[in-house]
Structures are given as structure tokens and as C-alpha cells.
N, C-alpha and C. Protein backbone atom coordinates (compact mmCIF):
# COMPACT_ATOMS: atom_id res chain seq x y z
N MET A 1 -5.67 -13.22 -0.65
CA MET A 1 -6.79 -12.36 -0.31
C MET A 1 -7.79 -12.35 -1.46
N SER A 2 -8.94 -11.85 -1.16
CA SER A 2 -10.01 -11.89 -2.12
C SER A 2 -10.81 -10.61 -2.08
N LEU A 3 -11.40 -10.26 -3.19
CA LEU A 3 -12.29 -9.10 -3.23
C LEU A 3 -13.52 -9.35 -2.37
N ARG A 4 -13.91 -10.60 -2.22
CA ARG A 4 -15.08 -10.94 -1.40
C ARG A 4 -14.82 -10.71 0.09
N ASP A 5 -13.58 -10.71 0.51
CA ASP A 5 -13.25 -10.45 1.90
C ASP A 5 -13.04 -8.93 2.06
N VAL A 6 -14.17 -8.22 2.16
CA VAL A 6 -14.11 -6.75 2.13
C VAL A 6 -13.53 -6.15 3.40
N ASP A 7 -13.43 -6.92 4.48
CA ASP A 7 -12.92 -6.36 5.73
C ASP A 7 -11.42 -6.55 5.90
N ALA A 8 -10.75 -7.12 4.91
CA ALA A 8 -9.31 -7.35 5.02
C ALA A 8 -8.54 -6.44 4.07
N ILE A 9 -7.38 -6.00 4.54
CA ILE A 9 -6.45 -5.28 3.69
C ILE A 9 -5.59 -6.34 3.01
N ASP A 10 -5.58 -6.37 1.68
CA ASP A 10 -4.90 -7.45 0.96
C ASP A 10 -3.39 -7.40 1.13
N TYR A 11 -2.78 -6.24 0.97
CA TYR A 11 -1.34 -6.15 1.23
C TYR A 11 -0.94 -4.69 1.41
N ILE A 12 0.17 -4.52 2.11
CA ILE A 12 0.82 -3.22 2.28
C ILE A 12 2.23 -3.40 1.74
N GLY A 13 2.60 -2.55 0.79
CA GLY A 13 3.93 -2.58 0.22
C GLY A 13 4.55 -1.20 0.31
N VAL A 14 5.86 -1.14 0.44
CA VAL A 14 6.56 0.13 0.60
C VAL A 14 7.64 0.24 -0.46
N ASN A 15 7.63 1.37 -1.16
CA ASN A 15 8.71 1.70 -2.07
C ASN A 15 9.54 2.77 -1.37
N ILE A 16 10.67 2.33 -0.78
CA ILE A 16 11.46 3.26 0.01
C ILE A 16 12.20 4.27 -0.86
N LEU A 17 12.45 3.93 -2.10
CA LEU A 17 13.16 4.83 -3.00
C LEU A 17 12.29 6.06 -3.32
N PHE A 18 11.02 5.83 -3.62
CA PHE A 18 10.12 6.93 -3.98
C PHE A 18 9.26 7.40 -2.81
N ARG A 19 9.47 6.81 -1.61
CA ARG A 19 8.73 7.17 -0.40
C ARG A 19 7.22 7.06 -0.62
N ARG A 20 6.82 5.86 -1.06
CA ARG A 20 5.39 5.57 -1.27
C ARG A 20 5.02 4.32 -0.51
N VAL A 21 3.82 4.32 0.03
CA VAL A 21 3.27 3.12 0.64
C VAL A 21 2.06 2.69 -0.20
N TYR A 22 2.06 1.44 -0.61
CA TYR A 22 1.00 0.90 -1.45
C TYR A 22 0.04 0.10 -0.58
N VAL A 23 -1.22 0.49 -0.61
CA VAL A 23 -2.25 -0.26 0.05
C VAL A 23 -3.00 -0.96 -1.09
N GLY A 24 -2.73 -2.24 -1.25
CA GLY A 24 -3.18 -2.94 -2.44
C GLY A 24 -4.38 -3.84 -2.21
N LEU A 25 -5.19 -3.93 -3.27
CA LEU A 25 -6.31 -4.86 -3.23
C LEU A 25 -6.28 -5.74 -4.48
N PHE A 26 -6.50 -7.00 -4.25
CA PHE A 26 -6.52 -7.98 -5.35
C PHE A 26 -7.95 -8.23 -5.78
N ASP A 27 -8.16 -8.29 -7.08
CA ASP A 27 -9.47 -8.58 -7.63
C ASP A 27 -9.33 -9.81 -8.51
N GLU A 28 -9.71 -10.96 -7.96
CA GLU A 28 -9.59 -12.21 -8.70
C GLU A 28 -10.88 -12.56 -9.45
N LEU A 29 -11.92 -11.75 -9.30
CA LEU A 29 -13.20 -12.05 -9.91
C LEU A 29 -13.27 -11.57 -11.36
N ASP A 30 -14.05 -12.28 -12.17
CA ASP A 30 -14.28 -11.79 -13.52
C ASP A 30 -15.46 -10.81 -13.46
N TRP A 31 -15.76 -10.22 -14.58
CA TRP A 31 -16.79 -9.17 -14.63
C TRP A 31 -18.11 -9.68 -15.18
N ARG A 32 -18.41 -10.96 -15.04
CA ARG A 32 -19.69 -11.48 -15.54
C ARG A 32 -20.87 -10.88 -14.80
N ASP A 33 -20.79 -10.82 -13.47
CA ASP A 33 -21.83 -10.18 -12.66
C ASP A 33 -21.32 -8.80 -12.25
N GLU A 34 -21.52 -7.84 -13.11
CA GLU A 34 -20.94 -6.51 -12.90
C GLU A 34 -21.50 -5.82 -11.67
N ARG A 35 -22.79 -6.00 -11.42
CA ARG A 35 -23.40 -5.30 -10.28
C ARG A 35 -22.77 -5.75 -8.96
N GLU A 36 -22.64 -7.07 -8.78
CA GLU A 36 -22.03 -7.59 -7.55
C GLU A 36 -20.57 -7.17 -7.46
N HIS A 37 -19.88 -7.23 -8.58
CA HIS A 37 -18.47 -6.86 -8.64
C HIS A 37 -18.29 -5.40 -8.21
N GLN A 38 -19.12 -4.52 -8.74
CA GLN A 38 -19.03 -3.11 -8.40
C GLN A 38 -19.34 -2.88 -6.92
N ASP A 39 -20.34 -3.58 -6.39
CA ASP A 39 -20.67 -3.44 -4.97
C ASP A 39 -19.52 -3.89 -4.07
N LEU A 40 -18.92 -5.04 -4.41
CA LEU A 40 -17.79 -5.52 -3.61
C LEU A 40 -16.60 -4.58 -3.69
N LEU A 41 -16.33 -4.07 -4.89
CA LEU A 41 -15.21 -3.16 -5.06
C LEU A 41 -15.43 -1.86 -4.30
N THR A 42 -16.66 -1.35 -4.31
CA THR A 42 -16.99 -0.13 -3.57
C THR A 42 -16.81 -0.35 -2.07
N LYS A 43 -17.31 -1.46 -1.56
CA LYS A 43 -17.17 -1.77 -0.13
C LYS A 43 -15.70 -1.89 0.27
N LYS A 44 -14.92 -2.55 -0.57
CA LYS A 44 -13.50 -2.76 -0.26
C LYS A 44 -12.75 -1.42 -0.26
N ILE A 45 -13.03 -0.57 -1.23
CA ILE A 45 -12.37 0.76 -1.29
C ILE A 45 -12.78 1.59 -0.09
N ASP A 46 -14.06 1.55 0.29
CA ASP A 46 -14.50 2.30 1.48
C ASP A 46 -13.78 1.80 2.73
N ARG A 47 -13.58 0.50 2.83
CA ARG A 47 -12.87 -0.09 3.97
C ARG A 47 -11.41 0.41 3.99
N TYR A 48 -10.79 0.48 2.83
CA TYR A 48 -9.41 0.95 2.75
C TYR A 48 -9.30 2.41 3.20
N ILE A 49 -10.23 3.23 2.75
CA ILE A 49 -10.20 4.65 3.14
C ILE A 49 -10.40 4.78 4.64
N ARG A 50 -11.31 4.00 5.23
CA ARG A 50 -11.51 4.04 6.68
C ARG A 50 -10.25 3.60 7.42
N TYR A 51 -9.58 2.58 6.90
CA TYR A 51 -8.35 2.07 7.52
C TYR A 51 -7.27 3.14 7.52
N ILE A 52 -7.12 3.85 6.43
CA ILE A 52 -6.07 4.88 6.33
C ILE A 52 -6.43 6.08 7.19
N ARG A 53 -7.66 6.57 7.08
CA ARG A 53 -8.07 7.77 7.82
C ARG A 53 -8.15 7.55 9.33
N SER A 54 -8.39 6.33 9.75
CA SER A 54 -8.48 6.06 11.19
C SER A 54 -7.11 6.14 11.86
N GLY A 55 -6.05 6.10 11.09
CA GLY A 55 -4.71 6.14 11.63
C GLY A 55 -4.11 4.75 11.86
N LYS A 56 -4.88 3.71 11.56
CA LYS A 56 -4.37 2.35 11.78
C LYS A 56 -3.18 2.03 10.88
N LEU A 57 -3.15 2.60 9.69
CA LEU A 57 -2.01 2.36 8.81
C LEU A 57 -0.72 2.84 9.49
N LEU A 58 -0.75 4.05 10.04
CA LEU A 58 0.45 4.59 10.68
C LEU A 58 0.73 3.95 12.02
N LEU A 59 -0.31 3.48 12.70
CA LEU A 59 -0.08 2.78 13.95
C LEU A 59 0.59 1.43 13.71
N ASN A 60 0.14 0.73 12.67
CA ASN A 60 0.68 -0.59 12.36
C ASN A 60 2.02 -0.52 11.63
N TYR A 61 2.23 0.56 10.85
CA TYR A 61 3.44 0.71 10.05
C TYR A 61 4.03 2.11 10.28
N PRO A 62 4.61 2.37 11.44
CA PRO A 62 5.08 3.74 11.73
C PRO A 62 6.20 4.21 10.82
N LYS A 63 6.91 3.29 10.15
CA LYS A 63 8.00 3.68 9.27
C LYS A 63 7.53 4.43 8.02
N VAL A 64 6.23 4.36 7.70
CA VAL A 64 5.75 5.00 6.47
C VAL A 64 5.19 6.40 6.72
N ARG A 65 5.40 6.94 7.91
CA ARG A 65 4.93 8.30 8.20
C ARG A 65 5.57 9.27 7.20
N GLY A 66 4.75 10.07 6.56
CA GLY A 66 5.24 11.03 5.57
C GLY A 66 5.33 10.51 4.16
N TYR A 67 5.06 9.22 3.96
CA TYR A 67 5.09 8.63 2.62
C TYR A 67 3.77 8.94 1.88
N GLU A 68 3.86 9.02 0.57
CA GLU A 68 2.65 9.16 -0.25
C GLU A 68 1.88 7.84 -0.20
N ILE A 69 0.56 7.91 -0.05
CA ILE A 69 -0.27 6.72 0.00
C ILE A 69 -0.84 6.46 -1.37
N VAL A 70 -0.61 5.26 -1.88
CA VAL A 70 -1.09 4.86 -3.20
C VAL A 70 -2.01 3.65 -3.01
N VAL A 71 -3.25 3.76 -3.49
CA VAL A 71 -4.15 2.63 -3.49
C VAL A 71 -3.92 1.91 -4.82
N GLU A 72 -3.45 0.65 -4.71
CA GLU A 72 -3.12 -0.12 -5.90
C GLU A 72 -4.17 -1.20 -6.11
N TYR A 73 -4.73 -1.21 -7.30
CA TYR A 73 -5.75 -2.18 -7.70
C TYR A 73 -5.12 -3.19 -8.66
N VAL A 74 -5.10 -4.46 -8.28
CA VAL A 74 -4.51 -5.51 -9.09
C VAL A 74 -5.63 -6.43 -9.57
N SER A 75 -5.84 -6.46 -10.88
CA SER A 75 -6.93 -7.24 -11.46
C SER A 75 -6.39 -8.46 -12.18
N HIS A 76 -7.06 -9.58 -12.00
CA HIS A 76 -6.66 -10.81 -12.68
C HIS A 76 -7.38 -11.01 -14.00
N HIS A 77 -8.45 -10.26 -14.23
CA HIS A 77 -9.24 -10.41 -15.46
C HIS A 77 -9.37 -9.06 -16.15
N PRO A 78 -9.47 -9.07 -17.47
CA PRO A 78 -9.66 -7.80 -18.18
C PRO A 78 -11.00 -7.19 -17.85
N MET A 79 -11.03 -5.88 -17.88
CA MET A 79 -12.25 -5.14 -17.53
C MET A 79 -13.10 -4.90 -18.77
N THR A 80 -14.41 -4.94 -18.57
CA THR A 80 -15.34 -4.58 -19.64
C THR A 80 -15.36 -3.06 -19.77
N PRO A 81 -15.90 -2.52 -20.88
CA PRO A 81 -15.96 -1.07 -21.00
C PRO A 81 -16.74 -0.38 -19.87
N SER A 82 -17.83 -1.00 -19.43
CA SER A 82 -18.57 -0.40 -18.31
C SER A 82 -17.78 -0.50 -17.00
N ALA A 83 -16.99 -1.57 -16.86
CA ALA A 83 -16.15 -1.70 -15.67
C ALA A 83 -15.06 -0.65 -15.64
N VAL A 84 -14.53 -0.33 -16.81
CA VAL A 84 -13.51 0.73 -16.91
C VAL A 84 -14.10 2.08 -16.48
N GLU A 85 -15.30 2.36 -16.93
CA GLU A 85 -15.97 3.61 -16.53
C GLU A 85 -16.22 3.63 -15.02
N PHE A 86 -16.65 2.49 -14.48
CA PHE A 86 -16.87 2.39 -13.04
C PHE A 86 -15.57 2.64 -12.30
N TRP A 87 -14.48 2.00 -12.74
CA TRP A 87 -13.19 2.18 -12.06
C TRP A 87 -12.73 3.61 -12.13
N LYS A 88 -12.96 4.30 -13.25
CA LYS A 88 -12.58 5.72 -13.35
C LYS A 88 -13.31 6.56 -12.32
N SER A 89 -14.59 6.23 -12.05
CA SER A 89 -15.32 6.96 -11.01
C SER A 89 -14.73 6.69 -9.63
N ARG A 90 -14.27 5.46 -9.38
CA ARG A 90 -13.61 5.14 -8.11
C ARG A 90 -12.27 5.86 -7.99
N GLU A 91 -11.55 5.95 -9.11
CA GLU A 91 -10.28 6.67 -9.10
C GLU A 91 -10.49 8.14 -8.73
N ARG A 92 -11.55 8.74 -9.30
CA ARG A 92 -11.83 10.15 -8.96
C ARG A 92 -12.10 10.31 -7.46
N LEU A 93 -12.86 9.38 -6.88
CA LEU A 93 -13.14 9.44 -5.44
C LEU A 93 -11.86 9.31 -4.61
N LEU A 94 -11.00 8.40 -5.02
CA LEU A 94 -9.74 8.23 -4.28
C LEU A 94 -8.85 9.45 -4.41
N HIS A 95 -8.78 10.04 -5.61
CA HIS A 95 -7.99 11.26 -5.79
C HIS A 95 -8.55 12.39 -4.94
N GLU A 96 -9.88 12.51 -4.90
CA GLU A 96 -10.49 13.55 -4.08
C GLU A 96 -10.23 13.33 -2.59
N ALA A 97 -10.09 12.08 -2.19
CA ALA A 97 -9.78 11.76 -0.81
C ALA A 97 -8.30 12.02 -0.47
N GLY A 98 -7.49 12.29 -1.51
CA GLY A 98 -6.10 12.64 -1.29
C GLY A 98 -5.11 11.52 -1.52
N TYR A 99 -5.51 10.46 -2.20
CA TYR A 99 -4.64 9.32 -2.42
C TYR A 99 -4.34 9.16 -3.89
N ALA A 100 -3.15 8.68 -4.16
CA ALA A 100 -2.79 8.34 -5.54
C ALA A 100 -3.37 6.97 -5.85
N VAL A 101 -3.55 6.67 -7.14
CA VAL A 101 -4.14 5.40 -7.56
C VAL A 101 -3.25 4.77 -8.60
N HIS A 102 -3.07 3.48 -8.49
CA HIS A 102 -2.28 2.71 -9.46
C HIS A 102 -3.07 1.46 -9.79
N ILE A 103 -3.20 1.16 -11.06
CA ILE A 103 -3.91 -0.04 -11.49
C ILE A 103 -2.98 -0.87 -12.35
N ARG A 104 -3.04 -2.17 -12.16
CA ARG A 104 -2.26 -3.05 -13.02
C ARG A 104 -3.00 -4.37 -13.13
N GLY A 105 -2.74 -5.03 -14.23
CA GLY A 105 -3.33 -6.34 -14.46
C GLY A 105 -2.28 -7.42 -14.31
N VAL A 106 -2.71 -8.58 -13.87
CA VAL A 106 -1.83 -9.72 -13.72
C VAL A 106 -2.41 -10.83 -14.58
N ASP A 107 -1.59 -11.38 -15.45
CA ASP A 107 -2.03 -12.45 -16.33
C ASP A 107 -1.76 -13.78 -15.63
N VAL A 108 -2.82 -14.46 -15.20
CA VAL A 108 -2.69 -15.71 -14.48
C VAL A 108 -2.90 -16.92 -15.39
N ARG A 109 -3.00 -16.70 -16.69
CA ARG A 109 -3.29 -17.81 -17.61
C ARG A 109 -2.17 -18.84 -17.62
N HIS A 110 -0.92 -18.42 -17.51
CA HIS A 110 0.20 -19.37 -17.48
C HIS A 110 0.10 -20.28 -16.26
N ALA A 111 -0.24 -19.70 -15.10
CA ALA A 111 -0.33 -20.48 -13.89
C ALA A 111 -1.48 -21.48 -13.96
N LEU A 112 -2.51 -21.15 -14.73
CA LEU A 112 -3.66 -22.06 -14.87
C LEU A 112 -3.48 -23.10 -15.97
N GLY A 113 -2.36 -23.02 -16.67
CA GLY A 113 -2.08 -23.99 -17.73
C GLY A 113 -2.74 -23.66 -19.05
N ILE A 114 -3.15 -22.41 -19.23
CA ILE A 114 -3.77 -21.99 -20.49
C ILE A 114 -2.67 -21.46 -21.40
N SER A 115 -2.61 -21.96 -22.63
CA SER A 115 -1.55 -21.50 -23.54
C SER A 115 -1.88 -20.10 -24.05
N VAL A 116 -0.84 -19.29 -24.16
CA VAL A 116 -0.99 -17.91 -24.57
C VAL A 116 0.05 -17.61 -25.64
N ASP A 117 -0.38 -16.98 -26.74
CA ASP A 117 0.56 -16.57 -27.78
C ASP A 117 1.29 -15.32 -27.30
N GLU A 118 2.60 -15.40 -27.21
CA GLU A 118 3.41 -14.28 -26.76
C GLU A 118 3.75 -13.37 -27.94
N PRO A 119 3.59 -12.06 -27.83
CA PRO A 119 4.02 -11.16 -28.90
C PRO A 119 5.53 -11.11 -28.96
N GLU A 120 6.06 -10.87 -30.16
CA GLU A 120 7.50 -10.82 -30.33
C GLU A 120 8.09 -9.59 -29.62
N HIS A 121 7.41 -8.46 -29.72
CA HIS A 121 7.93 -7.24 -29.13
C HIS A 121 6.74 -6.44 -28.57
N VAL A 122 6.90 -5.97 -27.36
CA VAL A 122 5.88 -5.12 -26.73
C VAL A 122 6.45 -3.73 -26.62
N ASN A 123 5.78 -2.76 -27.17
CA ASN A 123 6.20 -1.37 -27.12
C ASN A 123 5.57 -0.72 -25.89
N ALA A 124 6.26 -0.77 -24.77
CA ALA A 124 5.73 -0.22 -23.52
C ALA A 124 6.85 0.42 -22.74
N GLU A 125 6.48 1.39 -21.92
CA GLU A 125 7.45 2.06 -21.07
C GLU A 125 7.67 1.24 -19.81
N PRO A 126 8.86 1.31 -19.24
CA PRO A 126 9.07 0.60 -17.97
C PRO A 126 8.22 1.22 -16.88
N VAL A 127 7.80 0.40 -15.95
CA VAL A 127 6.97 0.89 -14.86
C VAL A 127 7.71 0.76 -13.56
N GLU A 128 7.30 1.55 -12.60
CA GLU A 128 7.88 1.50 -11.26
C GLU A 128 7.47 0.19 -10.59
N PRO A 129 8.39 -0.46 -9.91
CA PRO A 129 7.99 -1.68 -9.21
C PRO A 129 6.96 -1.37 -8.14
N PRO A 130 5.98 -2.25 -7.93
CA PRO A 130 4.92 -1.95 -6.98
C PRO A 130 5.41 -1.78 -5.56
N ALA A 131 6.40 -2.56 -5.14
CA ALA A 131 6.89 -2.43 -3.77
C ALA A 131 8.30 -3.01 -3.70
N LEU A 132 9.16 -2.31 -3.00
CA LEU A 132 10.51 -2.81 -2.79
C LEU A 132 10.61 -3.60 -1.49
N GLU A 133 9.70 -3.33 -0.59
CA GLU A 133 9.72 -3.99 0.70
C GLU A 133 8.28 -4.16 1.15
N VAL A 134 7.92 -5.33 1.61
CA VAL A 134 6.61 -5.55 2.17
C VAL A 134 6.79 -5.66 3.68
N LEU A 135 6.07 -4.83 4.40
CA LEU A 135 6.26 -4.75 5.84
C LEU A 135 5.23 -5.56 6.59
N ASP A 136 5.67 -6.11 7.70
CA ASP A 136 4.74 -6.70 8.66
C ASP A 136 4.38 -5.62 9.65
N PRO A 137 3.21 -5.69 10.27
CA PRO A 137 2.87 -4.68 11.27
C PRO A 137 3.89 -4.65 12.39
N ASP A 138 4.12 -3.48 12.95
CA ASP A 138 5.04 -3.33 14.06
C ASP A 138 4.44 -4.00 15.29
N PRO A 139 5.09 -5.01 15.87
CA PRO A 139 4.49 -5.73 17.00
C PRO A 139 4.30 -4.87 18.23
N LEU A 140 5.09 -3.81 18.39
CA LEU A 140 4.95 -2.96 19.56
C LEU A 140 3.69 -2.12 19.50
N THR A 141 3.18 -1.84 18.32
CA THR A 141 2.00 -0.99 18.19
C THR A 141 0.71 -1.78 18.16
N GLN A 142 0.78 -3.10 18.20
CA GLN A 142 -0.44 -3.91 18.15
C GLN A 142 -1.25 -3.75 19.43
N GLN A 143 -0.60 -3.34 20.53
CA GLN A 143 -1.33 -3.23 21.79
C GLN A 143 -2.07 -1.91 21.91
N LEU A 144 -1.82 -0.97 21.02
CA LEU A 144 -2.48 0.34 21.10
C LEU A 144 -3.95 0.22 20.78
N ALA A 145 -4.74 1.05 21.43
CA ALA A 145 -6.19 1.05 21.17
C ALA A 145 -6.46 1.68 19.81
N ASP A 146 -7.64 1.46 19.32
CA ASP A 146 -8.02 2.04 18.03
C ASP A 146 -8.03 3.57 18.14
N VAL A 147 -7.57 4.20 17.10
CA VAL A 147 -7.52 5.66 17.06
C VAL A 147 -8.62 6.13 16.15
N SER A 148 -9.43 7.06 16.62
CA SER A 148 -10.56 7.49 15.79
C SER A 148 -10.16 8.59 14.82
N ASP A 149 -9.08 9.27 15.09
CA ASP A 149 -8.67 10.37 14.20
C ASP A 149 -7.15 10.38 14.16
N ILE A 150 -6.61 10.59 12.98
CA ILE A 150 -5.15 10.56 12.78
C ILE A 150 -4.47 11.71 13.52
N SER A 151 -5.19 12.77 13.85
CA SER A 151 -4.56 13.90 14.53
C SER A 151 -4.16 13.56 15.96
N TYR A 152 -4.65 12.46 16.51
CA TYR A 152 -4.30 12.06 17.88
C TYR A 152 -3.10 11.14 17.95
N LEU A 153 -2.44 10.90 16.84
CA LEU A 153 -1.29 10.02 16.86
C LEU A 153 -0.14 10.67 17.61
N PRO A 154 0.53 9.93 18.48
CA PRO A 154 1.68 10.52 19.18
C PRO A 154 2.83 10.73 18.20
N PRO A 155 3.64 11.75 18.45
CA PRO A 155 4.78 11.98 17.55
C PRO A 155 5.78 10.85 17.68
N LEU A 156 6.51 10.61 16.60
CA LEU A 156 7.55 9.60 16.63
C LEU A 156 8.73 10.12 17.43
N THR A 157 9.31 9.26 18.25
CA THR A 157 10.49 9.65 18.99
C THR A 157 11.71 9.43 18.12
N PRO A 158 12.67 10.34 18.14
CA PRO A 158 13.84 10.16 17.30
C PRO A 158 14.63 8.95 17.77
N GLU A 159 15.22 8.24 16.82
CA GLU A 159 16.03 7.09 17.15
C GLU A 159 17.34 7.57 17.75
N ARG A 160 17.75 6.94 18.82
CA ARG A 160 18.99 7.33 19.48
C ARG A 160 20.06 6.28 19.23
N ARG A 161 21.27 6.77 19.05
CA ARG A 161 22.39 5.88 18.93
C ARG A 161 23.05 5.77 20.30
N PRO A 162 22.96 4.63 20.94
CA PRO A 162 23.45 4.53 22.31
C PRO A 162 24.96 4.71 22.45
N HIS A 163 25.74 4.48 21.40
CA HIS A 163 27.18 4.57 21.52
C HIS A 163 27.76 5.90 21.04
N ALA A 164 26.92 6.81 20.60
CA ALA A 164 27.46 8.06 20.03
C ALA A 164 28.06 8.94 21.12
N LEU A 165 27.42 9.07 22.25
CA LEU A 165 27.89 9.96 23.31
C LEU A 165 29.19 9.45 23.96
N PRO A 166 29.30 8.18 24.28
CA PRO A 166 30.59 7.73 24.85
C PRO A 166 31.76 7.94 23.92
N VAL A 167 31.59 7.76 22.62
CA VAL A 167 32.68 7.97 21.67
C VAL A 167 33.10 9.43 21.70
N LEU A 168 32.14 10.35 21.73
CA LEU A 168 32.47 11.78 21.80
C LEU A 168 33.20 12.13 23.09
N ARG A 169 32.79 11.52 24.19
CA ARG A 169 33.46 11.78 25.46
C ARG A 169 34.91 11.28 25.43
N ARG A 170 35.13 10.10 24.84
CA ARG A 170 36.50 9.60 24.76
C ARG A 170 37.36 10.51 23.90
N LEU A 171 36.81 11.00 22.77
CA LEU A 171 37.59 11.92 21.94
C LEU A 171 37.90 13.21 22.67
N ALA A 172 36.93 13.72 23.41
CA ALA A 172 37.16 14.96 24.16
C ALA A 172 38.21 14.73 25.24
N MET A 173 38.16 13.57 25.86
CA MET A 173 39.16 13.27 26.92
C MET A 173 40.55 13.16 26.32
N ARG A 174 40.68 12.59 25.10
CA ARG A 174 41.99 12.50 24.45
C ARG A 174 42.56 13.88 24.14
N HIS A 175 41.69 14.78 23.63
CA HIS A 175 42.17 16.12 23.30
C HIS A 175 42.55 16.88 24.55
N ALA A 176 41.86 16.66 25.66
CA ALA A 176 42.16 17.38 26.90
C ALA A 176 43.47 16.89 27.53
N THR A 177 43.74 15.59 27.42
CA THR A 177 44.98 15.08 28.02
C THR A 177 46.16 15.14 27.08
N GLY A 178 45.91 15.24 25.79
CA GLY A 178 46.97 15.16 24.80
C GLY A 178 47.61 16.44 24.52
């Protein structure tokens, strides 16, 4: 996925341990043209907020109902000081919209064949893995029409165990005859 493709959701990841769903966007662009970069990032974030608020996230991924929504920004290039300030303003907007924000950088220099001096020791705290499971959309919900408001989502039906009742009946029959 690309930051230039503002109409696409780059990935959805789920951390089932912490009950979080990550709606992630990849930024492979450098910050040479900051104005264009900021415009693309703003459009992409607006698209993500519309996707979540429309209810499409829950329609496509019903298993994440009740999970905390985290917008994850993955950057391939270091940010300039003005880019950091711009991102902080986007973080404030996302927090005000009710979403958590996570940012991380990915060093792609090794994959490009660029030599990098590795430090002997990095003094950093361990971080939570971005996603333990990446989900595909639920194929049964793909036929549903677009929902304009999340309040119109139908409630989830409880999962039924088809063999639970016959087992109870057999046990009851044993106690009655025994």
C-alpha cells in the first residue's frame, strides 16, 4: 500500500491479548516535498476516520466489536522537525476523535542494500507487537449495504454450540433412569 493511495486502508491488525484493533497506514514517502506529504497524510487520515465512523470496520471485521481502535502510522523515512510538529497536530485530532495513536518507524535500508552501522547496545523498552493476528474481511458481511451510522449496526448473535443441549439431555436421562 502507499500513502498516495488515499482511498485504501493499508492494513487491519488485531491484538487479541490487549483487545486492540490496529488500522494502519504505511508512509513510504520521504519528506522532501512537505506540503504534498502533509496533504496526502491528511487525506488518508480523514479517509480512515470515515471508514471507522461509517461502521464499515465492524461490518467487515465483526470479531473486533468492543476492541480499542488504534490508528498506527508506519513511516519508512525519518521525519523532519516540521513533520514531527505536523504529526503531533494529527495525533491530537485522532485523540479528539476517540482513537488511540501509535507511530513507529521501519528501517528499510537493509532491504535496499544500504550498509548501516549497528550500535552495540540499544537502551530501549520493549514495545507491544503491532498485531498478533491480521484478519481478512468476513465474507458473509461483504453483501451488506453501506451503513451511514454505526448506531444502525445489528447486534451480534451469540454463538451457539450445537452439541451442548443433546449432551445435557443424555446426562439428565442417565440420572433419571439410574
